[in-house]
Structures are given as structure tokens and as C-alpha cells.
Protein backbone atom coordinates (compact mmCIF):
# COMPACT_ATOMS: atom_id res chain seq x y z
CA THR A 1 37.99 30.31 30.16
CA TYR A 2 41.59 28.47 29.85
CA LYS A 3 40.58 26.04 32.32
CA ASP A 4 37.35 25.06 30.29
CA PHE A 5 39.41 24.28 27.06
CA LYS A 6 42.80 23.13 29.02
CA ILE A 7 42.77 19.96 27.72
CA ILE A 8 41.63 20.46 24.34
CA ILE A 9 44.12 23.61 24.06
CA LEU A 10 46.75 21.27 25.29
CA SER A 11 45.90 18.31 22.79
CA TYR A 12 46.24 20.87 19.89
CA LEU A 13 49.59 21.67 21.11
CA ALA A 14 50.53 18.39 20.89
CA LEU A 15 49.25 17.94 17.50
CA PHE A 16 51.09 20.82 16.38
CA ALA A 17 54.20 19.40 17.61
CA ILE A 18 53.97 15.90 16.05
CA SER A 19 53.36 17.82 12.92
CA PHE A 20 56.26 20.05 13.60
CA ILE A 21 58.26 16.70 13.72
CA LEU A 22 56.84 14.94 10.89
CA TYR A 23 56.42 17.66 8.45
CA PRO A 24 57.92 21.00 9.23
CA LYS A 25 58.04 22.65 6.05
CA GLU A 26 54.59 21.58 5.39
CA LEU A 27 53.46 23.16 8.71
CA LEU A 28 54.80 26.44 8.02
CA LEU A 29 53.53 26.96 4.21
CA ALA A 30 49.90 25.55 5.89
CA PHE A 31 50.09 28.92 8.50
CA ILE A 32 50.87 31.23 5.17
CA HIS A 33 48.46 29.83 2.53
CA THR A 34 45.49 28.61 4.80
CA LYS A 35 42.52 30.22 3.23
CA PRO A 36 39.75 32.74 5.18
CA SER A 37 36.81 30.18 3.61
CA SER A 38 38.04 27.56 5.88
CA VAL A 39 37.64 29.59 8.87
CA LEU A 40 34.39 27.94 9.78
CA GLY A 41 36.07 24.50 9.18
CA LEU A 42 32.59 22.71 9.17
CA VAL A 43 31.36 24.61 5.96
CA ARG A 44 34.31 25.24 4.02
CA TYR A 45 34.27 26.21 0.42
CA ASP A 46 30.34 26.45 0.79
CA PRO A 47 28.32 29.93 0.22
CA LEU A 48 26.32 28.26 3.20
CA VAL A 49 29.22 29.41 5.49
CA TYR A 50 27.14 32.78 6.13
CA ILE A 51 23.72 31.07 7.51
CA PRO A 52 25.37 30.33 10.71
CA LEU A 53 26.18 34.24 11.05
CA LEU A 54 22.79 35.41 9.81
CA ALA A 55 20.76 32.70 11.75
CA LEU A 56 23.27 33.76 15.33
CA LEU A 57 21.99 37.60 14.78
CA CYS A 58 18.30 36.32 14.31
CA PHE A 59 18.77 34.16 17.71
CA THR A 60 20.20 37.13 19.66
CA ILE A 61 17.86 39.56 18.62
CA PHE A 62 15.45 37.17 19.23
CA THR A 63 16.51 35.97 22.81
CA PHE A 64 17.74 39.12 23.88
CA ARG A 65 14.34 40.57 23.45
CA LYS A 66 12.50 37.70 25.55
CA THR A 67 15.35 37.70 28.60
CA ARG A 68 17.97 40.06 30.14
CA SER A 69 19.83 37.39 31.55
CA PHE A 70 20.99 36.59 27.69
CA LYS A 71 24.41 37.92 27.35
CA VAL A 72 25.65 39.35 23.94
CA SER A 73 29.94 38.52 25.21
CA ASN A 74 29.22 34.98 25.95
CA SER A 75 28.03 34.42 22.54
CA ILE A 76 31.03 36.64 21.33
CA ILE A 77 33.43 34.66 23.10
CA SER A 78 31.72 31.42 21.75
CA ILE A 79 31.91 32.03 18.51
CA SER A 80 35.43 33.08 18.72
CA ILE A 81 36.77 29.81 20.38
CA TRP A 82 34.92 28.12 17.48
CA ILE A 83 36.01 29.92 15.02
CA PHE A 84 39.95 29.68 16.70
CA PHE A 85 39.81 26.21 17.06
CA SER A 86 38.36 25.49 13.35
CA ILE A 87 41.23 27.45 12.34
CA LEU A 88 43.90 25.09 14.01
CA SER A 89 41.67 22.10 12.59
CA SER A 90 42.41 23.50 8.82
CA VAL A 91 45.94 24.59 9.58
CA LEU A 92 46.54 20.80 10.73
CA LEU A 93 44.72 19.43 7.71
CA SER A 94 46.65 21.24 5.30
CA THR A 95 49.73 20.12 7.23
CA ILE A 96 49.43 16.14 6.68
CA PHE A 97 47.37 17.04 3.61
CA ALA A 98 50.51 18.48 1.92
CA GLY A 99 53.13 15.81 3.63
CA ALA A 100 51.04 12.66 2.29
CA ASP A 101 53.19 10.08 0.53
CA PRO A 102 51.36 9.29 -2.62
CA GLY A 103 52.62 5.60 -2.61
CA ASN A 104 51.53 4.93 1.00
CA VAL A 105 48.27 6.48 0.16
CA ALA A 106 47.37 4.25 -2.65
CA ASP A 107 48.24 1.45 -0.66
CA TRP A 108 45.79 2.08 2.18
CA SER A 109 42.94 3.48 -0.03
CA ASN A 110 43.54 -0.02 -1.55
CA THR A 111 43.50 -2.04 1.61
CA PHE A 112 40.29 -0.22 2.88
CA MET A 113 38.45 -1.21 -0.43
CA SER A 114 39.84 -5.02 0.07
CA ALA A 115 38.40 -4.75 3.57
CA ASP A 116 35.14 -3.16 2.66
CA LEU A 117 34.53 -6.37 0.14
CA LYS A 118 35.70 -8.73 2.59
CA LEU A 119 33.62 -7.59 5.34
CA PHE A 120 30.27 -7.18 2.92
CA GLY A 121 30.66 -9.08 0.10
CA THR A 122 30.22 -5.97 -2.08
CA TYR A 123 31.45 -2.63 -2.54
CA PRO A 124 28.76 -0.94 -0.75
CA GLY A 125 29.08 2.20 -2.38
CA PHE A 126 28.61 0.83 -5.77
CA TRP A 127 25.77 -1.86 -4.43
CA LEU A 128 24.09 1.44 -3.26
CA HIS A 129 23.97 2.59 -6.86
CA GLN A 130 22.24 -0.56 -8.08
CA HIS A 131 19.94 -1.09 -5.55
CA LEU A 132 18.88 2.33 -4.05
CA PRO A 133 15.08 1.97 -4.45
CA SER A 134 14.00 6.05 -5.63
CA SER A 135 15.25 8.81 -6.93
CA PHE A 136 13.83 10.43 -3.83
CA LEU A 137 15.60 8.55 -1.52
CA GLU A 138 18.72 8.93 -3.65
CA LYS A 139 18.50 12.94 -3.08
CA LEU A 140 17.62 12.48 0.67
CA ILE A 141 21.01 10.89 1.22
CA VAL A 142 22.96 13.14 -0.88
CA TYR A 143 21.81 16.26 0.21
CA THR A 144 21.47 14.93 3.91
CA TYR A 145 25.38 14.39 3.64
CA ILE A 146 26.24 17.72 1.50
CA TYR A 147 24.35 19.62 4.02
CA LEU A 148 25.38 18.01 7.11
CA PRO A 149 28.12 20.76 8.07
CA ALA A 150 25.40 23.70 7.53
CA ILE A 151 22.94 21.60 10.47
CA ILE A 152 25.66 21.25 12.51
CA SER A 153 26.53 24.75 12.35
CA LEU A 154 22.93 25.98 12.71
CA TRP A 155 22.63 24.13 15.67
CA THR A 156 25.71 25.01 17.25
CA VAL A 157 24.23 28.26 16.91
CA PHE A 158 21.28 27.48 18.78
CA LEU A 159 23.27 26.09 21.44
CA ILE A 160 25.54 29.35 21.95
CA VAL A 161 22.11 31.30 22.21
CA TYR A 162 19.85 28.60 24.21
CA LYS A 163 20.05 29.24 27.85
CA ASN A 164 22.82 31.47 27.75
CA GLY A 165 25.41 28.39 26.03
CA ILE A 166 24.95 26.34 28.77
CA PHE A 167 24.93 23.00 26.64
CA TYR A 168 27.44 24.55 24.33
CA LYS A 169 30.79 23.92 25.84
CA ASP A 170 29.99 20.14 26.11
CA PHE A 171 29.25 20.04 22.21
CA ILE A 172 32.31 22.06 21.13
CA HIS A 173 34.36 19.87 23.12
CA LYS A 174 33.26 16.61 21.68
CA MET A 175 33.57 17.94 18.43
CA PHE A 176 37.05 18.82 18.54
CA LEU A 177 37.95 15.90 21.07
CA ALA A 178 37.01 13.82 18.15
CA PHE A 179 39.26 15.74 15.67
CA ILE A 180 41.94 15.11 17.98
CA VAL A 181 41.57 11.50 18.09
CA CYS A 182 41.22 11.12 14.54
CA PHE A 183 44.05 12.82 13.50
CA PRO A 184 46.91 10.41 14.65
CA LEU A 185 44.85 7.78 12.38
CA TRP A 186 44.91 9.97 9.43
CA ILE A 187 48.35 10.33 9.84
CA LEU A 188 49.26 6.30 10.32
CA LEU A 189 46.70 5.38 7.99
CA PRO A 190 46.14 7.66 5.03
CA SER A 191 43.80 7.24 2.39
CA ILE A 192 41.80 9.00 0.12
CA CYS A 193 38.30 8.68 -0.56
CA PRO A 194 36.95 5.75 -3.20
CA GLY A 195 35.65 8.68 -5.65
CA GLN A 196 39.37 10.69 -5.95
CA MET A 197 40.81 6.94 -6.14
CA TYR A 198 39.05 5.31 -8.62
CA ILE A 199 37.01 7.83 -10.33
CA GLY A 200 39.10 10.70 -10.51
CA ASN A 201 42.45 8.28 -10.61
CA ILE A 202 44.07 11.28 -8.70
CA LEU A 203 46.96 9.03 -8.31
CA LYS A 204 47.21 7.38 -11.74
CA GLN A 205 47.10 4.25 -10.29
CA PRO A 206 45.13 1.29 -12.10
CA ALA A 207 42.14 -0.07 -10.42
CA PRO A 208 42.09 -3.61 -8.75
CA SER A 209 40.25 -5.68 -11.05
CA PRO A 210 37.23 -6.36 -9.14
CA VAL A 211 36.74 -2.40 -8.98
CA SER A 212 37.16 -1.67 -12.33
CA GLU A 213 34.77 -4.36 -13.58
CA VAL A 214 32.24 -2.11 -11.42
CA LEU A 215 33.66 1.38 -12.77
CA VAL A 216 32.47 0.21 -16.17
CA LYS A 217 28.85 0.61 -15.23
CA GLY A 218 28.71 4.30 -14.51
CA PRO A 219 27.14 6.62 -12.28
CA PRO A 220 23.46 5.44 -11.28
CA SER A 221 22.14 8.51 -12.32
CA VAL A 222 22.81 12.16 -13.91
CA PHE A 223 21.83 13.69 -10.38
CA ALA A 224 24.38 10.86 -8.21
CA GLY A 225 27.00 11.18 -11.07
CA LYS A 226 27.21 15.30 -10.94
CA ASN A 227 27.64 15.19 -7.27
CA ILE A 228 30.13 12.73 -7.18
CA ASN A 229 32.29 14.53 -9.54
CA LEU A 230 31.80 17.93 -7.73
CA LEU A 231 32.75 16.35 -4.70
CA ILE A 232 35.79 14.98 -6.30
CA LYS A 233 36.69 18.32 -7.18
CA LYS A 234 36.10 20.02 -4.28
CA TRP A 235 38.72 17.71 -2.73
CA THR A 236 41.51 17.54 -5.34
CA ASP A 237 43.80 19.95 -5.26
CA PRO A 238 44.87 21.31 -8.74
CA THR A 239 48.48 21.87 -7.99
CA GLU A 240 48.67 18.19 -7.25
CA LYS A 241 50.75 18.99 -3.88
CA GLN A 242 48.00 17.92 -1.24
CA LEU A 243 45.86 14.58 -0.43
CA ALA A 244 42.88 14.44 1.66
CA ILE A 245 43.19 11.99 3.42
CA SER A 246 41.00 12.33 5.96
CA THR A 247 38.99 9.40 4.96
CA PHE A 248 39.59 6.91 7.84
CA PRO A 249 38.13 7.65 10.06
CA SER A 250 35.01 9.11 8.89
CA MET A 251 34.49 12.67 10.53
CA HIS A 252 30.99 12.77 9.09
CA SER A 253 29.71 9.88 10.82
CA THR A 254 31.30 10.68 13.92
CA TRP A 255 29.95 14.37 13.71
CA GLY A 256 26.53 12.41 13.02
CA ILE A 257 26.86 10.44 16.22
CA ILE A 258 27.58 13.77 18.35
CA PHE A 259 24.80 15.60 16.85
CA ALA A 260 22.05 13.23 17.63
CA TYR A 261 23.56 12.52 20.97
CA SER A 262 23.66 16.54 21.67
CA VAL A 263 19.81 16.76 20.18
CA ALA A 264 18.71 13.87 22.65
CA THR A 265 20.68 15.75 25.48
CA VAL A 266 19.33 19.21 24.88
CA LEU A 267 15.54 18.13 24.69
CA PHE A 268 15.53 15.63 27.36
CA ALA A 269 16.50 18.73 29.47
CA ILE A 270 13.16 20.64 28.18
CA ARG A 271 11.48 17.47 29.94
CA ASN A 272 8.80 17.38 26.99
CA LYS A 273 8.55 14.07 25.98
CA TYR A 274 6.50 14.36 22.75
CA LYS A 275 9.27 16.49 21.36
CA TRP A 276 12.14 14.55 22.52
CA ALA A 277 11.00 11.31 20.73
CA ILE A 278 10.23 13.25 17.62
CA LEU A 279 13.21 15.66 17.19
CA THR A 280 15.26 13.17 18.70
CA THR A 281 14.09 10.38 16.02
CA VAL A 282 15.05 13.08 13.21
CA ALA A 283 18.54 13.49 14.47
CA ILE A 284 19.11 9.91 14.57
CA CYS A 285 17.34 9.78 11.08
CA VAL A 286 20.09 12.86 9.69
CA ALA A 287 22.99 10.91 11.29
CA ILE A 288 22.05 7.67 9.48
CA LEU A 289 21.04 9.10 6.12
CA ASN A 290 24.36 11.49 6.38
CA MET A 291 26.03 8.01 6.44
CA PHE A 292 24.56 6.19 3.55
CA GLY A 293 25.10 9.41 1.39
CA ALA A 294 28.50 9.20 2.40
CA ILE A 295 29.15 5.71 0.91
CA TYR A 296 26.88 6.50 -1.99
CA LEU A 297 28.32 9.67 -3.28
CA LEU A 298 31.75 7.45 -2.85
CA GLN A 299 33.28 9.96 0.03
CA HIS A 300 33.97 6.97 1.81
CA TYR A 301 34.48 3.30 2.52
CA ALA A 302 32.41 1.51 4.59
CA ILE A 303 34.97 0.62 6.63
CA ASP A 304 35.36 4.43 7.35
CA LEU A 305 32.04 5.02 8.73
CA LEU A 306 32.36 1.97 11.02
CA ALA A 307 35.54 3.53 12.34
CA GLY A 308 33.68 6.89 12.63
CA ILE A 309 30.73 5.32 14.88
CA VAL A 310 33.07 3.84 17.22
CA ILE A 311 34.71 7.20 17.76
CA GLY A 312 31.51 9.08 17.93
CA ILE A 313 30.57 6.77 20.83
CA LEU A 314 34.22 6.82 22.31
CA VAL A 315 34.07 10.54 22.76
CA GLN A 316 30.53 10.66 24.30
CA LYS A 317 32.49 7.82 27.13
CA ILE A 318 35.46 9.96 27.89
CA LYS A 319 33.46 13.15 28.44
CA ARG A 320 31.23 11.47 30.77
């Protein structure tokens, strides 16, 4: 109902008002050109966009046969809410991507890279390139990062169907609330990922000398190099009209926190300590591996992930 999502709706209206004041032309174009492939937001431009729909169909059939209390109409409404807010999020992102100032983006990207060096004494992504102990662990963190959106989508489908969606509203509130909190920070502190900034060099600016010295060594493996380049290509606008400035804070780390907390909450309600311990541990591992994958693939600065963790925790506090 409107009452259930009143705060989220009003917050999105506020974000659109801010976007219209700052980037009126870009906002209009975003409404016109936002692609259907971004409808589900979480898995945009990925063939796995169809998996949640297929999984929903399977869950719906299975659950409907088991209990008459299940309502298909509730699932349709829940999916509609998910799609509606995902479309709005895509439009807002397209707007600020198109309105970003390249000079400002370059300054903040270099600032976050320097912050990583000061905090950790090294560049975490490049350090992992040199010290990751095995190819198995490499593939594990890379695939966890890449497929986190698909994992979250499947979990969302499960929440829609499980016990008529009683846990779904809380989860989806937190997911979009996190976007609302991050959005102003993306405008104020615009930066692109290290891969785009220093390897893709899409802003055509020389890298600081400490970074350029590390770049000479190249990717740690063919597998890593291939995925780094694919992600750079995915987030680089071929027309050079948009810059993907949604780096700080990291939504991937925020999603991981929200996902792990949701899994723990749902399983705690089942009151099976064994299942709760095992599956909650798996969910936490997914969240952690995802963060290492984000750094390893040069999709985020380490400071992005720290900020994302803080926002993930903050969202839990707000919802309480």
C-alpha cells in the first residue's frame, strides 16, 4: 500500500527534485532513453535477468500447491513495486552519470586512491593482485562479486513467496533506502572506479606516479585481466556522455550487509539453530567475498567499501 512505502516514495520525489534542479536536461533525456534491460536494476545488462522471473514461477507453483493461503496477487504487487523503484533508480543514475563534471570526477577519483594509500600503506586492489594465494580463491571472489546481484535477486524472489512475503517489505525498504542515502553522496563526491580511471583511462589523464608504477606489472592473470576489461567496458559509455560515478559509497558492500542481515533474520524466525548457523555463515561469507572481489576487479576503492559497510549498518538502525 501507499502507507507502507510512503517514506520511500517521498524520498524518491525529493531525489527527483534535486536532480531536476541540478540537471534538468539530463533528467529529461534519462526518462526518454533508460533501457528496458535496466528494469530490474540489480542485474542490468546480464542474461541472468531472467533467472528471478523463472525462479518466481517455480516458487509460485510449488507454494500454491502446498498452501491455499498463498496469494498470487501479493507476488504480482511485490514484483511491481520492485520493478517500479528499480526503473526510478535507473533514471536517477542515468541523470547524474550524464551530469557529472569530468574534472571533478578525476579529482575525487585520485583523492580516494590517495586515501587508500594513506589508510592501508598500499593500494589494496593491486596488493591483492600480487598476494592472492590461489586461482581457486581468485575465481571465488570474482564470481561472487559478479553474481551478487543474481544472488540477491533470487533471495528477493524467495522473500516474495515465503510466508506470503512477510519479510519482503523490510528487505526491499532497506535496499531502496540504501540507494536514497547513497545518491546525494554520489553527487557530492563523484568518482569512477580504479579500473576505468587508471586502466581504461577514460578521462585521458595521466595516473599519479605511484599508481603508474604498479600498472606496469599488468593484471595478475588472464582470468582477472579478462574480467577487469569486461567490467570497464560494461560501465563505460561508448558515446562518452556518461560517467558511472556511483563508486563512493559502494552499493555492492551495502547490498552484502543487507543481504546477510536478511538471511540471518529469516532463518532466526524458523527457529532451527543448525540451519541458522550454517546458512547465516554462508551469507556472511558471500558478503565478504563480494567485497574482496570488488577491490580485486578494481571496481571500487577500499574506502568505498568501508563507507558502504557503514551505510549498510546505518540502514539497519534506521529501519529499527
